[in-house]
Amino acid sequence: MVKLLQKVFVSQHVCYVNGINMHVAEMGEGPVVLLLHGFPELWYSWRHEILFLVAHGYRAVAHDLRGYGETTGAPPHDHSKFTALHVVGDLVALIDTMGADKVFVVGHDWGAMMGLDVVFVSTRQSQSLGQLERSLHS
């Protein structure tokens, strides 16, 4: 299933945004849903939701946040470039590259916090925000 999901269905590529190379996985056509992973996750955490969203007429876009997975991070000796503002800048730049007038932003854990900041910063690009958390006692 993993190889099938990665190689057949999900288009994966790298976008140069905000001074970094961001690994992006996307699938489907229609309104864009930007999926922001939590800590210590990757785009792949959204694999089930991607399939659900596509089946319901959406374009699902998940990626690896700055410093995670196949996305480059801050230079090794300059932690000042790994701030929440840099991550938000990455996401706003990614939204710009998608060519969509509006996107739905959905975040989990750390991604939920970044999603809230993205919606505040890019009100013209964001249509709505969904934040997901799971119980510590699941």
C-alpha atoms as a PDB file:
ATOM      1  CA  MET A   1       0.000   0.000   0.000  1.00  0.00           C
ATOM      2  CA  VAL A   2       2.806   2.447   0.841  1.00  0.00           C
ATOM      3  CA  LYS A   3       4.522   2.032  -2.547  1.00  0.00           C
ATOM      4  CA  LEU A   4       1.167   2.162  -4.334  1.00  0.00           C
ATOM      5  CA  LEU A   5       0.174   5.377  -2.550  1.00  0.00           C
ATOM      6  CA  GLN A   6       3.527   7.051  -3.119  1.00  0.00           C
ATOM      7  CA  LYS A   7       4.265   5.993  -6.683  1.00  0.00           C
ATOM      8  CA  VAL A   8       0.910   5.621  -8.390  1.00  0.00           C
ATOM      9  CA  PHE A   9      -1.553   8.021  -6.857  1.00  0.00           C
ATOM     10  CA  VAL A  10       0.286  10.851  -5.135  1.00  0.00           C
ATOM     11  CA  SER A  11       2.331  13.295  -7.191  1.00  0.00           C
ATOM     12  CA  GLN A  12       5.496  14.225  -5.299  1.00  0.00           C
ATOM     13  CA  HIS A  13       7.807  17.076  -6.190  1.00  0.00           C
ATOM     14  CA  VAL A  14      10.037  19.727  -4.678  1.00  0.00           C
ATOM     15  CA  CYS A  15       9.147  23.434  -4.722  1.00  0.00           C
ATOM     16  CA  TYR A  16      11.659  26.167  -4.023  1.00  0.00           C
ATOM     17  CA  VAL A  17       9.863  28.473  -1.572  1.00  0.00           C
ATOM     18  CA  ASN A  18      11.123  31.055   0.876  1.00  0.00           C
ATOM     19  CA  GLY A  19      14.758  30.015   0.412  1.00  0.00           C
ATOM     20  CA  ILE A  20      14.261  26.268   0.995  1.00  0.00           C
ATOM     21  CA  ASN A  21      13.409  23.183  -1.056  1.00  0.00           C
ATOM     22  CA  MET A  22      10.008  21.940   0.140  1.00  0.00           C
ATOM     23  CA  HIS A  23       8.876  18.373  -0.509  1.00  0.00           C
ATOM     24  CA  VAL A  24       5.228  18.418  -1.587  1.00  0.00           C
ATOM     25  CA  ALA A  25       2.803  15.537  -2.139  1.00  0.00           C
ATOM     26  CA  GLU A  26      -0.515  16.242  -3.829  1.00  0.00           C
ATOM     27  CA  MET A  27      -3.413  14.505  -5.439  1.00  0.00           C
ATOM     28  CA  GLY A  28      -6.766  15.373  -6.974  1.00  0.00           C
ATOM     29  CA  GLU A  29      -8.477  18.329  -8.557  1.00  0.00           C
ATOM     30  CA  GLY A  30     -10.831  20.916  -7.139  1.00  0.00           C
ATOM     31  CA  PRO A  31     -10.653  23.264  -4.173  1.00  0.00           C
ATOM     32  CA  VAL A  32      -7.266  23.046  -2.424  1.00  0.00           C
ATOM     33  CA  VAL A  33      -6.923  21.597   1.081  1.00  0.00           C
ATOM     34  CA  LEU A  34      -3.482  22.277   2.570  1.00  0.00           C
ATOM     35  CA  LEU A  35      -2.626  19.637   5.187  1.00  0.00           C
ATOM     36  CA  LEU A  36      -0.049  20.606   7.854  1.00  0.00           C
ATOM     37  CA  HIS A  37       1.524  17.742   9.799  1.00  0.00           C
ATOM     38  CA  GLY A  38       2.435  17.682  13.476  1.00  0.00           C
ATOM     39  CA  PHE A  39       5.567  16.756  15.394  1.00  0.00           C
ATOM     40  CA  PRO A  40       7.384  14.474  14.626  1.00  0.00           C
ATOM     41  CA  GLU A  41       5.393  13.588  11.522  1.00  0.00           C
ATOM     42  CA  LEU A  42       5.675  13.992   7.737  1.00  0.00           C
ATOM     43  CA  TRP A  43       3.278  14.480   4.806  1.00  0.00           C
ATOM     44  CA  TYR A  44       2.638  10.736   4.912  1.00  0.00           C
ATOM     45  CA  SER A  45       0.652  11.161   8.139  1.00  0.00           C
ATOM     46  CA  TRP A  46      -2.181  12.474   5.934  1.00  0.00           C
ATOM     47  CA  ARG A  47      -2.255   9.496   3.528  1.00  0.00           C
ATOM     48  CA  HIS A  48      -5.754   8.352   4.530  1.00  0.00           C
ATOM     49  CA  GLU A  49      -7.197  11.868   4.546  1.00  0.00           C
ATOM     50  CA  ILE A  50      -5.660  12.559   1.118  1.00  0.00           C
ATOM     51  CA  LEU A  51      -7.579   9.652  -0.391  1.00  0.00           C
ATOM     52  CA  PHE A  52     -10.801  10.721   1.350  1.00  0.00           C
ATOM     53  CA  LEU A  53     -10.472  14.338   0.198  1.00  0.00           C
ATOM     54  CA  VAL A  54      -9.740  13.347  -3.402  1.00  0.00           C
ATOM     55  CA  ALA A  55     -12.743  11.014  -3.427  1.00  0.00           C
ATOM     56  CA  HIS A  56     -14.872  14.000  -2.401  1.00  0.00           C
ATOM     57  CA  GLY A  57     -13.654  16.360  -5.109  1.00  0.00           C
ATOM     58  CA  TYR A  58     -10.739  18.180  -3.464  1.00  0.00           C
ATOM     59  CA  ARG A  59      -7.092  18.726  -4.333  1.00  0.00           C
ATOM     60  CA  ALA A  60      -5.193  17.531  -1.262  1.00  0.00           C
ATOM     61  CA  VAL A  61      -1.740  19.041  -0.727  1.00  0.00           C
ATOM     62  CA  ALA A  62       0.515  17.756   2.053  1.00  0.00           C
ATOM     63  CA  HIS A  63       4.183  18.508   2.503  1.00  0.00           C
ATOM     64  CA  ASP A  64       7.091  18.161   4.872  1.00  0.00           C
ATOM     65  CA  LEU A  65       7.501  21.288   7.002  1.00  0.00           C
ATOM     66  CA  ARG A  66      10.851  23.122   7.181  1.00  0.00           C
ATOM     67  CA  GLY A  67      13.491  20.744   8.531  1.00  0.00           C
ATOM     68  CA  TYR A  68      11.288  17.637   8.326  1.00  0.00           C
ATOM     69  CA  GLY A  69      11.611  14.701   5.941  1.00  0.00           C
ATOM     70  CA  GLU A  70      12.778  15.707   2.490  1.00  0.00           C
ATOM     71  CA  THR A  71      12.335  19.464   3.047  1.00  0.00           C
ATOM     72  CA  THR A  72      15.506  21.396   3.745  1.00  0.00           C
ATOM     73  CA  GLY A  73      15.781  23.204   7.027  1.00  0.00           C
ATOM     74  CA  ALA A  74      17.765  26.046   8.461  1.00  0.00           C
ATOM     75  CA  PRO A  75      21.502  26.068   7.823  1.00  0.00           C
ATOM     76  CA  PRO A  76      23.177  23.765  10.389  1.00  0.00           C
ATOM     77  CA  HIS A  77      24.920  26.613  12.186  1.00  0.00           C
ATOM     78  CA  ASP A  78      22.146  29.225  11.993  1.00  0.00           C
ATOM     79  CA  HIS A  79      19.153  28.269  14.114  1.00  0.00           C
ATOM     80  CA  SER A  80      17.778  31.807  13.715  1.00  0.00           C
ATOM     81  CA  LYS A  81      16.306  30.682  10.359  1.00  0.00           C
ATOM     82  CA  PHE A  82      14.189  27.996  12.016  1.00  0.00           C
ATOM     83  CA  THR A  83      11.471  30.096  13.634  1.00  0.00           C
ATOM     84  CA  ALA A  84       7.689  29.963  13.489  1.00  0.00           C
ATOM     85  CA  LEU A  85       7.779  33.067  11.271  1.00  0.00           C
ATOM     86  CA  HIS A  86      10.014  31.243   8.780  1.00  0.00           C
ATOM     87  CA  VAL A  87       7.656  28.246   8.720  1.00  0.00           C
ATOM     88  CA  VAL A  88       4.648  30.514   8.184  1.00  0.00           C
ATOM     89  CA  GLY A  89       6.551  32.280   5.394  1.00  0.00           C
ATOM     90  CA  ASP A  90       7.227  28.889   3.810  1.00  0.00           C
ATOM     91  CA  LEU A  91       3.534  28.036   3.873  1.00  0.00           C
ATOM     92  CA  VAL A  92       2.373  31.379   2.494  1.00  0.00           C
ATOM     93  CA  ALA A  93       4.932  31.027  -0.323  1.00  0.00           C
ATOM     94  CA  LEU A  94       3.721  27.471  -0.996  1.00  0.00           C
ATOM     95  CA  ILE A  95       0.127  28.704  -1.229  1.00  0.00           C
ATOM     96  CA  ASP A  96       1.294  31.316  -3.745  1.00  0.00           C
ATOM     97  CA  THR A  97       2.829  28.590  -5.944  1.00  0.00           C
ATOM     98  CA  MET A  98      -0.407  26.550  -6.009  1.00  0.00           C
ATOM     99  CA  GLY A  99      -2.295  29.046  -8.135  1.00  0.00           C
ATOM    100  CA  ALA A 100      -5.471  28.772  -6.060  1.00  0.00           C
ATOM    101  CA  ASP A 101      -7.499  31.825  -5.083  1.00  0.00           C
ATOM    102  CA  LYS A 102      -8.337  30.320  -1.702  1.00  0.00           C
ATOM    103  CA  VAL A 103      -7.262  27.253   0.244  1.00  0.00           C
ATOM    104  CA  PHE A 104      -8.665  25.328   3.160  1.00  0.00           C
ATOM    105  CA  VAL A 105      -5.945  24.944   5.819  1.00  0.00           C
ATOM    106  CA  VAL A 106      -6.019  21.876   8.082  1.00  0.00           C
ATOM    107  CA  GLY A 107      -3.361  21.360  10.738  1.00  0.00           C
ATOM    108  CA  HIS A 108      -2.526  18.756  13.342  1.00  0.00           C
ATOM    109  CA  ASP A 109      -0.476  19.395  16.491  1.00  0.00           C
ATOM    110  CA  TRP A 110       2.424  21.718  15.522  1.00  0.00           C
ATOM    111  CA  GLY A 111       0.802  22.107  12.110  1.00  0.00           C
ATOM    112  CA  ALA A 112      -2.377  23.409  13.780  1.00  0.00           C
ATOM    113  CA  MET A 113      -0.397  26.214  15.417  1.00  0.00           C
ATOM    114  CA  MET A 114       1.298  27.077  12.120  1.00  0.00           C
ATOM    115  CA  GLY A 115      -2.062  26.909  10.331  1.00  0.00           C
ATOM    116  CA  LEU A 116      -3.553  29.486  12.688  1.00  0.00           C
ATOM    117  CA  ASP A 117      -0.666  31.856  11.944  1.00  0.00           C
ATOM    118  CA  VAL A 118      -1.004  31.243   8.186  1.00  0.00           C
ATOM    119  CA  VAL A 119      -4.685  32.181   8.303  1.00  0.00           C
ATOM    120  CA  PHE A 120      -3.898  35.381  10.234  1.00  0.00           C
ATOM    121  CA  VAL A 121      -1.110  36.361   7.831  1.00  0.00           C
ATOM    122  CA  SER A 122      -2.740  35.396   4.540  1.00  0.00           C
ATOM    123  CA  THR A 123      -6.397  36.272   4.957  1.00  0.00           C
ATOM    124  CA  ARG A 124      -6.829  36.796   1.201  1.00  0.00           C
ATOM    125  CA  GLN A 125      -5.589  33.246   0.483  1.00  0.00           C
ATOM    126  CA  SER A 126      -7.183  31.256   3.305  1.00  0.00           C
ATOM    127  CA  GLN A 127     -10.804  30.219   3.174  1.00  0.00           C
ATOM    128  CA  SER A 128     -11.049  28.335   6.447  1.00  0.00           C
ATOM    129  CA  LEU A 129      -8.999  26.611   9.140  1.00  0.00           C
ATOM    130  CA  GLY A 130      -9.424  23.201  10.720  1.00  0.00           C
ATOM    131  CA  GLN A 131      -7.351  22.171  13.715  1.00  0.00           C
ATOM    132  CA  LEU A 132      -7.001  18.575  14.832  1.00  0.00           C
ATOM    133  CA  GLU A 133      -5.672  17.162  18.080  1.00  0.00           C
ATOM    134  CA  ARG A 134      -5.869  13.735  19.573  1.00  0.00           C
ATOM    135  CA  SER A 135      -6.274  12.762  23.165  1.00  0.00           C
ATOM    136  CA  LEU A 136      -3.205  11.807  25.163  1.00  0.00           C
ATOM    137  CA  HIS A 137      -5.248   8.863  26.444  1.00  0.00           C
ATOM    138  CA  SER A 138      -6.201   7.273  23.125  1.00  0.00           C
END
